[in-house]
Amino acid sequence: KTKGANVIVKGLRVISDYERECQMA
């Protein structure tokens, strides 16, 4: 919000990254 950004970019290496990052998203 402070930066006026509306997108977070996340890199995914393996499927377990997706599960954790999806929860954070």
mmCIF file of all heavy atoms, coordinates in Angstrom:
data_MODEL
# 
_entry.id   MODEL 
# 
loop_
_atom_site.group_PDB 
_atom_site.id 
_atom_site.type_symbol 
_atom_site.label_atom_id 
_atom_site.label_alt_id 
_atom_site.label_comp_id 
_atom_site.label_asym_id 
_atom_site.label_entity_id 
_atom_site.label_seq_id 
_atom_site.pdbx_PDB_ins_code 
_atom_site.Cartn_x 
_atom_site.Cartn_y 
_atom_site.Cartn_z 
_atom_site.occupancy 
_atom_site.B_iso_or_equiv 
_atom_site.pdbx_formal_charge 
_atom_site.auth_seq_id 
_atom_site.auth_comp_id 
_atom_site.auth_asym_id 
_atom_site.auth_atom_id 
_atom_site.pdbx_PDB_model_num 
ATOM 1   N N   . LYS A 1 1  ? 0.838  -1.207  0.000  1.00 0.00 ? 1  LYS A N   1 
ATOM 2   C CA  . LYS A 1 1  ? 0.000  0.000   0.000  1.00 0.00 ? 1  LYS A CA  1 
ATOM 3   C C   . LYS A 1 1  ? 0.869  1.251   0.000  1.00 0.00 ? 1  LYS A C   1 
ATOM 4   O O   . LYS A 1 1  ? 0.582  2.205   -0.727 1.00 0.00 ? 1  LYS A O   1 
ATOM 5   C CB  . LYS A 1 1  ? -0.915 0.023   1.222  1.00 0.00 ? 1  LYS A CB  1 
ATOM 6   C CG  . LYS A 1 1  ? -2.080 -0.916  1.169  1.00 0.00 ? 1  LYS A CG  1 
ATOM 7   C CD  . LYS A 1 1  ? -2.897 -0.777  2.455  1.00 0.00 ? 1  LYS A CD  1 
ATOM 8   C CE  . LYS A 1 1  ? -3.944 -1.853  2.584  1.00 0.00 ? 1  LYS A CE  1 
ATOM 9   N NZ  . LYS A 1 1  ? -4.668 -1.767  3.868  1.00 0.00 ? 1  LYS A NZ  1 
ATOM 10  N N   . THR A 1 2  ? 1.908  1.265   0.820  1.00 0.00 ? 2  THR A N   1 
ATOM 11  C CA  . THR A 1 2  ? 2.751  2.467   0.925  1.00 0.00 ? 2  THR A CA  1 
ATOM 12  C C   . THR A 1 2  ? 3.487  2.759   -0.374 1.00 0.00 ? 2  THR A C   1 
ATOM 13  O O   . THR A 1 2  ? 3.852  3.903   -0.632 1.00 0.00 ? 2  THR A O   1 
ATOM 14  C CB  . THR A 1 2  ? 3.782  2.363   2.070  1.00 0.00 ? 2  THR A CB  1 
ATOM 15  O OG1 . THR A 1 2  ? 4.787  1.395   1.745  1.00 0.00 ? 2  THR A OG1 1 
ATOM 16  C CG2 . THR A 1 2  ? 3.120  2.024   3.397  1.00 0.00 ? 2  THR A CG2 1 
ATOM 17  N N   . LYS A 1 3  ? 3.701  1.735   -1.199 1.00 0.00 ? 3  LYS A N   1 
ATOM 18  C CA  . LYS A 1 3  ? 4.428  1.899   -2.454 1.00 0.00 ? 3  LYS A CA  1 
ATOM 19  C C   . LYS A 1 3  ? 3.514  2.019   -3.671 1.00 0.00 ? 3  LYS A C   1 
ATOM 20  O O   . LYS A 1 3  ? 3.995  2.172   -4.797 1.00 0.00 ? 3  LYS A O   1 
ATOM 21  C CB  . LYS A 1 3  ? 5.399  0.731   -2.659 1.00 0.00 ? 3  LYS A CB  1 
ATOM 22  C CG  . LYS A 1 3  ? 6.513  0.683   -1.631 1.00 0.00 ? 3  LYS A CG  1 
ATOM 23  C CD  . LYS A 1 3  ? 7.379  1.923   -1.743 1.00 0.00 ? 3  LYS A CD  1 
ATOM 24  C CE  . LYS A 1 3  ? 8.525  1.913   -0.776 1.00 0.00 ? 3  LYS A CE  1 
ATOM 25  N NZ  . LYS A 1 3  ? 9.403  3.076   -0.966 1.00 0.00 ? 3  LYS A NZ  1 
ATOM 26  N N   . GLY A 1 4  ? 2.212  1.915   -3.462 1.00 0.00 ? 4  GLY A N   1 
ATOM 27  C CA  . GLY A 1 4  ? 1.277  1.984   -4.579 1.00 0.00 ? 4  GLY A CA  1 
ATOM 28  C C   . GLY A 1 4  ? 1.349  0.760   -5.480 1.00 0.00 ? 4  GLY A C   1 
ATOM 29  O O   . GLY A 1 4  ? 0.988  0.823   -6.652 1.00 0.00 ? 4  GLY A O   1 
ATOM 30  N N   . ALA A 1 5  ? 1.805  -0.343  -4.922 1.00 0.00 ? 5  ALA A N   1 
ATOM 31  C CA  . ALA A 1 5  ? 1.934  -1.596  -5.683 1.00 0.00 ? 5  ALA A CA  1 
ATOM 32  C C   . ALA A 1 5  ? 0.674  -2.431  -5.513 1.00 0.00 ? 5  ALA A C   1 
ATOM 33  O O   . ALA A 1 5  ? 0.100  -2.477  -4.430 1.00 0.00 ? 5  ALA A O   1 
ATOM 34  C CB  . ALA A 1 5  ? 3.149  -2.384  -5.204 1.00 0.00 ? 5  ALA A CB  1 
ATOM 35  N N   . ASN A 1 6  ? 0.282  -3.101  -6.591 1.00 0.00 ? 6  ASN A N   1 
ATOM 36  C CA  . ASN A 1 6  ? -0.881 -3.978  -6.486 1.00 0.00 ? 6  ASN A CA  1 
ATOM 37  C C   . ASN A 1 6  ? -0.566 -5.419  -6.883 1.00 0.00 ? 6  ASN A C   1 
ATOM 38  O O   . ASN A 1 6  ? -1.457 -6.234  -7.002 1.00 0.00 ? 6  ASN A O   1 
ATOM 39  C CB  . ASN A 1 6  ? -2.055 -3.432  -7.298 1.00 0.00 ? 6  ASN A CB  1 
ATOM 40  C CG  . ASN A 1 6  ? -1.738 -3.295  -8.767 1.00 0.00 ? 6  ASN A CG  1 
ATOM 41  O OD1 . ASN A 1 6  ? -0.594 -3.471  -9.185 1.00 0.00 ? 6  ASN A OD1 1 
ATOM 42  N ND2 . ASN A 1 6  ? -2.743 -2.986  -9.556 1.00 0.00 ? 6  ASN A ND2 1 
ATOM 43  N N   . VAL A 1 7  ? 0.724  -5.719  -7.058 1.00 0.00 ? 7  VAL A N   1 
ATOM 44  C CA  . VAL A 1 7  ? 1.130  -7.083  -7.401 1.00 0.00 ? 7  VAL A CA  1 
ATOM 45  C C   . VAL A 1 7  ? 2.366  -7.475  -6.597 1.00 0.00 ? 7  VAL A C   1 
ATOM 46  O O   . VAL A 1 7  ? 3.312  -6.698  -6.483 1.00 0.00 ? 7  VAL A O   1 
ATOM 47  C CB  . VAL A 1 7  ? 1.439  -7.227  -8.909 1.00 0.00 ? 7  VAL A CB  1 
ATOM 48  C CG1 . VAL A 1 7  ? 1.930  -8.633  -9.240 1.00 0.00 ? 7  VAL A CG1 1 
ATOM 49  C CG2 . VAL A 1 7  ? 0.220  -6.880  -9.748 1.00 0.00 ? 7  VAL A CG2 1 
ATOM 50  N N   . ILE A 1 8  ? 2.314  -8.686  -6.081 1.00 0.00 ? 8  ILE A N   1 
ATOM 51  C CA  . ILE A 1 8  ? 3.473  -9.315  -5.448 1.00 0.00 ? 8  ILE A CA  1 
ATOM 52  C C   . ILE A 1 8  ? 3.955  -10.376 -6.421 1.00 0.00 ? 8  ILE A C   1 
ATOM 53  O O   . ILE A 1 8  ? 3.157  -11.162 -6.935 1.00 0.00 ? 8  ILE A O   1 
ATOM 54  C CB  . ILE A 1 8  ? 3.093  -9.992  -4.103 1.00 0.00 ? 8  ILE A CB  1 
ATOM 55  C CG1 . ILE A 1 8  ? 2.507  -8.987  -3.121 1.00 0.00 ? 8  ILE A CG1 1 
ATOM 56  C CG2 . ILE A 1 8  ? 4.288  -10.735 -3.513 1.00 0.00 ? 8  ILE A CG2 1 
ATOM 57  C CD1 . ILE A 1 8  ? 3.415  -7.868  -2.728 1.00 0.00 ? 8  ILE A CD1 1 
ATOM 58  N N   . VAL A 1 9  ? 5.260  -10.409 -6.668 1.00 0.00 ? 9  VAL A N   1 
ATOM 59  C CA  . VAL A 1 9  ? 5.849  -11.426 -7.541 1.00 0.00 ? 9  VAL A CA  1 
ATOM 60  C C   . VAL A 1 9  ? 6.558  -12.445 -6.656 1.00 0.00 ? 9  VAL A C   1 
ATOM 61  O O   . VAL A 1 9  ? 7.334  -12.077 -5.771 1.00 0.00 ? 9  VAL A O   1 
ATOM 62  C CB  . VAL A 1 9  ? 6.868  -10.800 -8.525 1.00 0.00 ? 9  VAL A CB  1 
ATOM 63  C CG1 . VAL A 1 9  ? 7.603  -11.877 -9.297 1.00 0.00 ? 9  VAL A CG1 1 
ATOM 64  C CG2 . VAL A 1 9  ? 6.169  -9.834  -9.467 1.00 0.00 ? 9  VAL A CG2 1 
ATOM 65  N N   . LYS A 1 10 ? 6.261  -13.713 -6.900 1.00 0.00 ? 10 LYS A N   1 
ATOM 66  C CA  . LYS A 1 10 ? 6.921  -14.790 -6.156 1.00 0.00 ? 10 LYS A CA  1 
ATOM 67  C C   . LYS A 1 10 ? 7.439  -15.834 -7.136 1.00 0.00 ? 10 LYS A C   1 
ATOM 68  O O   . LYS A 1 10 ? 6.735  -16.230 -8.058 1.00 0.00 ? 10 LYS A O   1 
ATOM 69  C CB  . LYS A 1 10 ? 5.936  -15.464 -5.181 1.00 0.00 ? 10 LYS A CB  1 
ATOM 70  C CG  . LYS A 1 10 ? 5.402  -14.553 -4.095 1.00 0.00 ? 10 LYS A CG  1 
ATOM 71  C CD  . LYS A 1 10 ? 6.478  -13.993 -3.181 1.00 0.00 ? 10 LYS A CD  1 
ATOM 72  C CE  . LYS A 1 10 ? 7.024  -15.073 -2.278 1.00 0.00 ? 10 LYS A CE  1 
ATOM 73  N NZ  . LYS A 1 10 ? 7.778  -14.600 -1.138 1.00 0.00 ? 10 LYS A NZ  1 
ATOM 74  N N   . GLY A 1 11 ? 8.662  -16.263 -6.915 1.00 0.00 ? 11 GLY A N   1 
ATOM 75  C CA  . GLY A 1 11 ? 9.238  -17.341 -7.703 1.00 0.00 ? 11 GLY A CA  1 
ATOM 76  C C   . GLY A 1 11 ? 8.944  -18.672 -7.041 1.00 0.00 ? 11 GLY A C   1 
ATOM 77  O O   . GLY A 1 11 ? 8.974  -18.776 -5.811 1.00 0.00 ? 11 GLY A O   1 
ATOM 78  N N   . LEU A 1 12 ? 8.651  -19.666 -7.840 1.00 0.00 ? 12 LEU A N   1 
ATOM 79  C CA  . LEU A 1 12 ? 8.348  -21.009 -7.316 1.00 0.00 ? 12 LEU A CA  1 
ATOM 80  C C   . LEU A 1 12 ? 9.339  -22.007 -7.891 1.00 0.00 ? 12 LEU A C   1 
ATOM 81  O O   . LEU A 1 12 ? 9.483  -22.101 -9.109 1.00 0.00 ? 12 LEU A O   1 
ATOM 82  C CB  . LEU A 1 12 ? 6.929  -21.430 -7.696 1.00 0.00 ? 12 LEU A CB  1 
ATOM 83  C CG  . LEU A 1 12 ? 5.790  -20.542 -7.225 1.00 0.00 ? 12 LEU A CG  1 
ATOM 84  C CD1 . LEU A 1 12 ? 4.463  -21.062 -7.774 1.00 0.00 ? 12 LEU A CD1 1 
ATOM 85  C CD2 . LEU A 1 12 ? 5.743  -20.460 -5.717 1.00 0.00 ? 12 LEU A CD2 1 
ATOM 86  N N   . ARG A 1 13 ? 10.008 -22.750 -7.008 1.00 0.00 ? 13 ARG A N   1 
ATOM 87  C CA  . ARG A 1 13 ? 10.953 -23.773 -7.469 1.00 0.00 ? 13 ARG A CA  1 
ATOM 88  C C   . ARG A 1 13 ? 10.316 -25.157 -7.524 1.00 0.00 ? 13 ARG A C   1 
ATOM 89  O O   . ARG A 1 13 ? 10.543 -25.912 -8.446 1.00 0.00 ? 13 ARG A O   1 
ATOM 90  C CB  . ARG A 1 13 ? 12.176 -23.817 -6.547 1.00 0.00 ? 13 ARG A CB  1 
ATOM 91  C CG  . ARG A 1 13 ? 13.047 -22.586 -6.650 1.00 0.00 ? 13 ARG A CG  1 
ATOM 92  C CD  . ARG A 1 13 ? 14.181 -22.640 -5.668 1.00 0.00 ? 13 ARG A CD  1 
ATOM 93  N NE  . ARG A 1 13 ? 13.602 -22.591 -4.330 1.00 0.00 ? 13 ARG A NE  1 
ATOM 94  C CZ  . ARG A 1 13 ? 14.216 -22.956 -3.231 1.00 0.00 ? 13 ARG A CZ  1 
ATOM 95  N NH1 . ARG A 1 13 ? 15.438 -23.409 -3.263 1.00 0.00 ? 13 ARG A NH1 1 
ATOM 96  N NH2 . ARG A 1 13 ? 13.627 -22.875 -2.061 1.00 0.00 ? 13 ARG A NH2 1 
ATOM 97  N N   . VAL A 1 14 ? 9.579  -25.485 -6.497 1.00 0.00 ? 14 VAL A N   1 
ATOM 98  C CA  . VAL A 1 14 ? 8.968  -26.824 -6.388 1.00 0.00 ? 14 VAL A CA  1 
ATOM 99  C C   . VAL A 1 14 ? 7.522  -26.676 -5.927 1.00 0.00 ? 14 VAL A C   1 
ATOM 100 O O   . VAL A 1 14 ? 7.103  -25.614 -5.466 1.00 0.00 ? 14 VAL A O   1 
ATOM 101 C CB  . VAL A 1 14 ? 9.762  -27.720 -5.397 1.00 0.00 ? 14 VAL A CB  1 
ATOM 102 C CG1 . VAL A 1 14 ? 11.145 -28.051 -5.946 1.00 0.00 ? 14 VAL A CG1 1 
ATOM 103 C CG2 . VAL A 1 14 ? 9.881  -27.066 -4.032 1.00 0.00 ? 14 VAL A CG2 1 
ATOM 104 N N   . ILE A 1 15 ? 6.756  -27.746 -6.024 1.00 0.00 ? 15 ILE A N   1 
ATOM 105 C CA  . ILE A 1 15 ? 5.324  -27.700 -5.704 1.00 0.00 ? 15 ILE A CA  1 
ATOM 106 C C   . ILE A 1 15 ? 5.076  -27.307 -4.247 1.00 0.00 ? 15 ILE A C   1 
ATOM 107 O O   . ILE A 1 15 ? 4.105  -26.622 -3.944 1.00 0.00 ? 15 ILE A O   1 
ATOM 108 C CB  . ILE A 1 15 ? 4.613  -29.040 -6.064 1.00 0.00 ? 15 ILE A CB  1 
ATOM 109 C CG1 . ILE A 1 15 ? 3.090  -28.853 -6.065 1.00 0.00 ? 15 ILE A CG1 1 
ATOM 110 C CG2 . ILE A 1 15 ? 5.003  -30.138 -5.108 1.00 0.00 ? 15 ILE A CG2 1 
ATOM 111 C CD1 . ILE A 1 15 ? 2.592  -28.000 -7.184 1.00 0.00 ? 15 ILE A CD1 1 
ATOM 112 N N   . SER A 1 16 ? 5.960  -27.680 -3.334 1.00 0.00 ? 16 SER A N   1 
ATOM 113 C CA  . SER A 1 16 ? 5.770  -27.303 -1.927 1.00 0.00 ? 16 SER A CA  1 
ATOM 114 C C   . SER A 1 16 ? 5.859  -25.790 -1.756 1.00 0.00 ? 16 SER A C   1 
ATOM 115 O O   . SER A 1 16 ? 5.231  -25.226 -0.858 1.00 0.00 ? 16 SER A O   1 
ATOM 116 C CB  . SER A 1 16 ? 6.771  -28.022 -1.024 1.00 0.00 ? 16 SER A CB  1 
ATOM 117 O OG  . SER A 1 16 ? 8.089  -27.704 -1.404 1.00 0.00 ? 16 SER A OG  1 
ATOM 118 N N   . ASP A 1 17 ? 6.617  -25.095 -2.605 1.00 0.00 ? 17 ASP A N   1 
ATOM 119 C CA  . ASP A 1 17 ? 6.645  -23.632 -2.582 1.00 0.00 ? 17 ASP A CA  1 
ATOM 120 C C   . ASP A 1 17 ? 5.253  -23.084 -2.865 1.00 0.00 ? 17 ASP A C   1 
ATOM 121 O O   . ASP A 1 17 ? 4.820  -22.116 -2.240 1.00 0.00 ? 17 ASP A O   1 
ATOM 122 C CB  . ASP A 1 17 ? 7.602  -23.071 -3.646 1.00 0.00 ? 17 ASP A CB  1 
ATOM 123 C CG  . ASP A 1 17 ? 9.072  -23.204 -3.304 1.00 0.00 ? 17 ASP A CG  1 
ATOM 124 O OD1 . ASP A 1 17 ? 9.399  -23.581 -2.161 1.00 0.00 ? 17 ASP A OD1 1 
ATOM 125 O OD2 . ASP A 1 17 ? 9.887  -22.918 -4.198 1.00 0.00 ? 17 ASP A OD2 1 
ATOM 126 N N   . TYR A 1 18 ? 4.546  -23.699 -3.815 1.00 0.00 ? 18 TYR A N   1 
ATOM 127 C CA  . TYR A 1 18 ? 3.223  -23.215 -4.200 1.00 0.00 ? 18 TYR A CA  1 
ATOM 128 C C   . TYR A 1 18 ? 2.256  -23.255 -3.022 1.00 0.00 ? 18 TYR A C   1 
ATOM 129 O O   . TYR A 1 18 ? 1.526  -22.292 -2.780 1.00 0.00 ? 18 TYR A O   1 
ATOM 130 C CB  . TYR A 1 18 ? 2.654  -24.023 -5.368 1.00 0.00 ? 18 TYR A CB  1 
ATOM 131 C CG  . TYR A 1 18 ? 1.251  -23.603 -5.716 1.00 0.00 ? 18 TYR A CG  1 
ATOM 132 C CD1 . TYR A 1 18 ? 1.013  -22.421 -6.421 1.00 0.00 ? 18 TYR A CD1 1 
ATOM 133 C CD2 . TYR A 1 18 ? 0.157  -24.354 -5.306 1.00 0.00 ? 18 TYR A CD2 1 
ATOM 134 C CE1 . TYR A 1 18 ? -0.279 -22.007 -6.713 1.00 0.00 ? 18 TYR A CE1 1 
ATOM 135 C CE2 . TYR A 1 18 ? -1.136 -23.948 -5.587 1.00 0.00 ? 18 TYR A CE2 1 
ATOM 136 C CZ  . TYR A 1 18 ? -1.347 -22.778 -6.292 1.00 0.00 ? 18 TYR A CZ  1 
ATOM 137 O OH  . TYR A 1 18 ? -2.630 -22.372 -6.565 1.00 0.00 ? 18 TYR A OH  1 
ATOM 138 N N   . GLU A 1 19 ? 2.247  -24.340 -2.281 1.00 0.00 ? 19 GLU A N   1 
ATOM 139 C CA  . GLU A 1 19 ? 1.325  -24.471 -1.161 1.00 0.00 ? 19 GLU A CA  1 
ATOM 140 C C   . GLU A 1 19 ? 1.544  -23.364 -0.131 1.00 0.00 ? 19 GLU A C   1 
ATOM 141 O O   . GLU A 1 19 ? 0.598  -22.717 0.309  1.00 0.00 ? 19 GLU A O   1 
ATOM 142 C CB  . GLU A 1 19 ? 1.475  -25.844 -0.509 1.00 0.00 ? 19 GLU A CB  1 
ATOM 143 C CG  . GLU A 1 19 ? 1.013  -26.978 -1.402 1.00 0.00 ? 19 GLU A CG  1 
ATOM 144 C CD  . GLU A 1 19 ? 1.298  -28.351 -0.813 1.00 0.00 ? 19 GLU A CD  1 
ATOM 145 O OE1 . GLU A 1 19 ? 1.752  -28.441 0.352  1.00 0.00 ? 19 GLU A OE1 1 
ATOM 146 O OE2 . GLU A 1 19 ? 1.074  -29.342 -1.520 1.00 0.00 ? 19 GLU A OE2 1 
ATOM 147 N N   . ARG A 1 20 ? 2.795  -23.136 0.228  1.00 0.00 ? 20 ARG A N   1 
ATOM 148 C CA  . ARG A 1 20 ? 3.135  -22.111 1.213  1.00 0.00 ? 20 ARG A CA  1 
ATOM 149 C C   . ARG A 1 20 ? 2.836  -20.706 0.669  1.00 0.00 ? 20 ARG A C   1 
ATOM 150 O O   . ARG A 1 20 ? 2.235  -19.878 1.351  1.00 0.00 ? 20 ARG A O   1 
ATOM 151 C CB  . ARG A 1 20 ? 4.612  -22.247 1.596  1.00 0.00 ? 20 ARG A CB  1 
ATOM 152 C CG  . ARG A 1 20 ? 5.105  -21.267 2.624  1.00 0.00 ? 20 ARG A CG  1 
ATOM 153 C CD  . ARG A 1 20 ? 6.551  -21.533 3.051  1.00 0.00 ? 20 ARG A CD  1 
ATOM 154 N NE  . ARG A 1 20 ? 7.410  -22.100 2.042  1.00 0.00 ? 20 ARG A NE  1 
ATOM 155 C CZ  . ARG A 1 20 ? 8.059  -21.391 1.097  1.00 0.00 ? 20 ARG A CZ  1 
ATOM 156 N NH1 . ARG A 1 20 ? 7.930  -20.089 1.051  1.00 0.00 ? 20 ARG A NH1 1 
ATOM 157 N NH2 . ARG A 1 20 ? 8.835  -21.990 0.222  1.00 0.00 ? 20 ARG A NH2 1 
ATOM 158 N N   . GLU A 1 21 ? 3.241  -20.465 -0.562 1.00 0.00 ? 21 GLU A N   1 
ATOM 159 C CA  . GLU A 1 21 ? 3.062  -19.136 -1.156 1.00 0.00 ? 21 GLU A CA  1 
ATOM 160 C C   . GLU A 1 21 ? 1.593  -18.825 -1.445 1.00 0.00 ? 21 GLU A C   1 
ATOM 161 O O   . GLU A 1 21 ? 1.177  -17.672 -1.349 1.00 0.00 ? 21 GLU A O   1 
ATOM 162 C CB  . GLU A 1 21 ? 3.899  -18.993 -2.429 1.00 0.00 ? 21 GLU A CB  1 
ATOM 163 C CG  . GLU A 1 21 ? 5.394  -19.030 -2.188 1.00 0.00 ? 21 GLU A CG  1 
ATOM 164 C CD  . GLU A 1 21 ? 5.920  -17.901 -1.306 1.00 0.00 ? 21 GLU A CD  1 
ATOM 165 O OE1 . GLU A 1 21 ? 5.203  -16.907 -1.075 1.00 0.00 ? 21 GLU A OE1 1 
ATOM 166 O OE2 . GLU A 1 21 ? 7.065  -18.009 -0.843 1.00 0.00 ? 21 GLU A OE2 1 
ATOM 167 N N   . CYS A 1 22 ? 0.822  -19.820 -1.772 1.00 0.00 ? 22 CYS A N   1 
ATOM 168 C CA  . CYS A 1 22 ? -0.610 -19.615 -2.003 1.00 0.00 ? 22 CYS A CA  1 
ATOM 169 C C   . CYS A 1 22 ? -1.290 -19.179 -0.702 1.00 0.00 ? 22 CYS A C   1 
ATOM 170 O O   . CYS A 1 22 ? -2.105 -18.253 -0.698 1.00 0.00 ? 22 CYS A O   1 
ATOM 171 C CB  . CYS A 1 22 ? -1.244 -20.892 -2.546 1.00 0.00 ? 22 CYS A CB  1 
ATOM 172 S SG  . CYS A 1 22 ? -2.896 -20.637 -3.203 1.00 0.00 ? 22 CYS A SG  1 
ATOM 173 N N   . GLN A 1 23 ? -0.922 -19.806 0.382  1.00 0.00 ? 23 GLN A N   1 
ATOM 174 C CA  . GLN A 1 23 ? -1.460 -19.427 1.687  1.00 0.00 ? 23 GLN A CA  1 
ATOM 175 C C   . GLN A 1 23 ? -1.102 -17.976 2.010  1.00 0.00 ? 23 GLN A C   1 
ATOM 176 O O   . GLN A 1 23 ? -1.947 -17.195 2.459  1.00 0.00 ? 23 GLN A O   1 
ATOM 177 C CB  . GLN A 1 23 ? -0.915 -20.370 2.760  1.00 0.00 ? 23 GLN A CB  1 
ATOM 178 C CG  . GLN A 1 23 ? -1.466 -20.123 4.134  1.00 0.00 ? 23 GLN A CG  1 
ATOM 179 C CD  . GLN A 1 23 ? -0.897 -21.102 5.152  1.00 0.00 ? 23 GLN A CD  1 
ATOM 180 O OE1 . GLN A 1 23 ? 0.186  -21.643 4.993  1.00 0.00 ? 23 GLN A OE1 1 
ATOM 181 N NE2 . GLN A 1 23 ? -1.634 -21.312 6.216  1.00 0.00 ? 23 GLN A NE2 1 
ATOM 182 N N   . MET A 1 24 ? 0.148  -17.585 1.748  1.00 0.00 ? 24 MET A N   1 
ATOM 183 C CA  . MET A 1 24 ? 0.583  -16.208 1.991  1.00 0.00 ? 24 MET A CA  1 
ATOM 184 C C   . MET A 1 24 ? -0.165 -15.227 1.086  1.00 0.00 ? 24 MET A C   1 
ATOM 185 O O   . MET A 1 24 ? -0.559 -14.146 1.526  1.00 0.00 ? 24 MET A O   1 
ATOM 186 C CB  . MET A 1 24 ? 2.093  -16.078 1.771  1.00 0.00 ? 24 MET A CB  1 
ATOM 187 C CG  . MET A 1 24 ? 2.940  -16.779 2.803  1.00 0.00 ? 24 MET A CG  1 
ATOM 188 S SD  . MET A 1 24 ? 2.687  -16.141 4.465  1.00 0.00 ? 24 MET A SD  1 
ATOM 189 C CE  . MET A 1 24 ? 3.245  -14.473 4.268  1.00 0.00 ? 24 MET A CE  1 
ATOM 190 N N   . ALA A 1 25 ? -0.364 -15.613 -0.176 1.00 0.00 ? 25 ALA A N   1 
ATOM 191 C CA  . ALA A 1 25 ? -1.072 -14.749 -1.120 1.00 0.00 ? 25 ALA A CA  1 
ATOM 192 C C   . ALA A 1 25 ? -2.500 -14.482 -0.649 1.00 0.00 ? 25 ALA A C   1 
ATOM 193 O O   . ALA A 1 25 ? -2.994 -13.348 -0.736 1.00 0.00 ? 25 ALA A O   1 
ATOM 194 C CB  . ALA A 1 25 ? -1.081 -15.375 -2.509 1.00 0.00 ? 25 ALA A CB  1 
# 
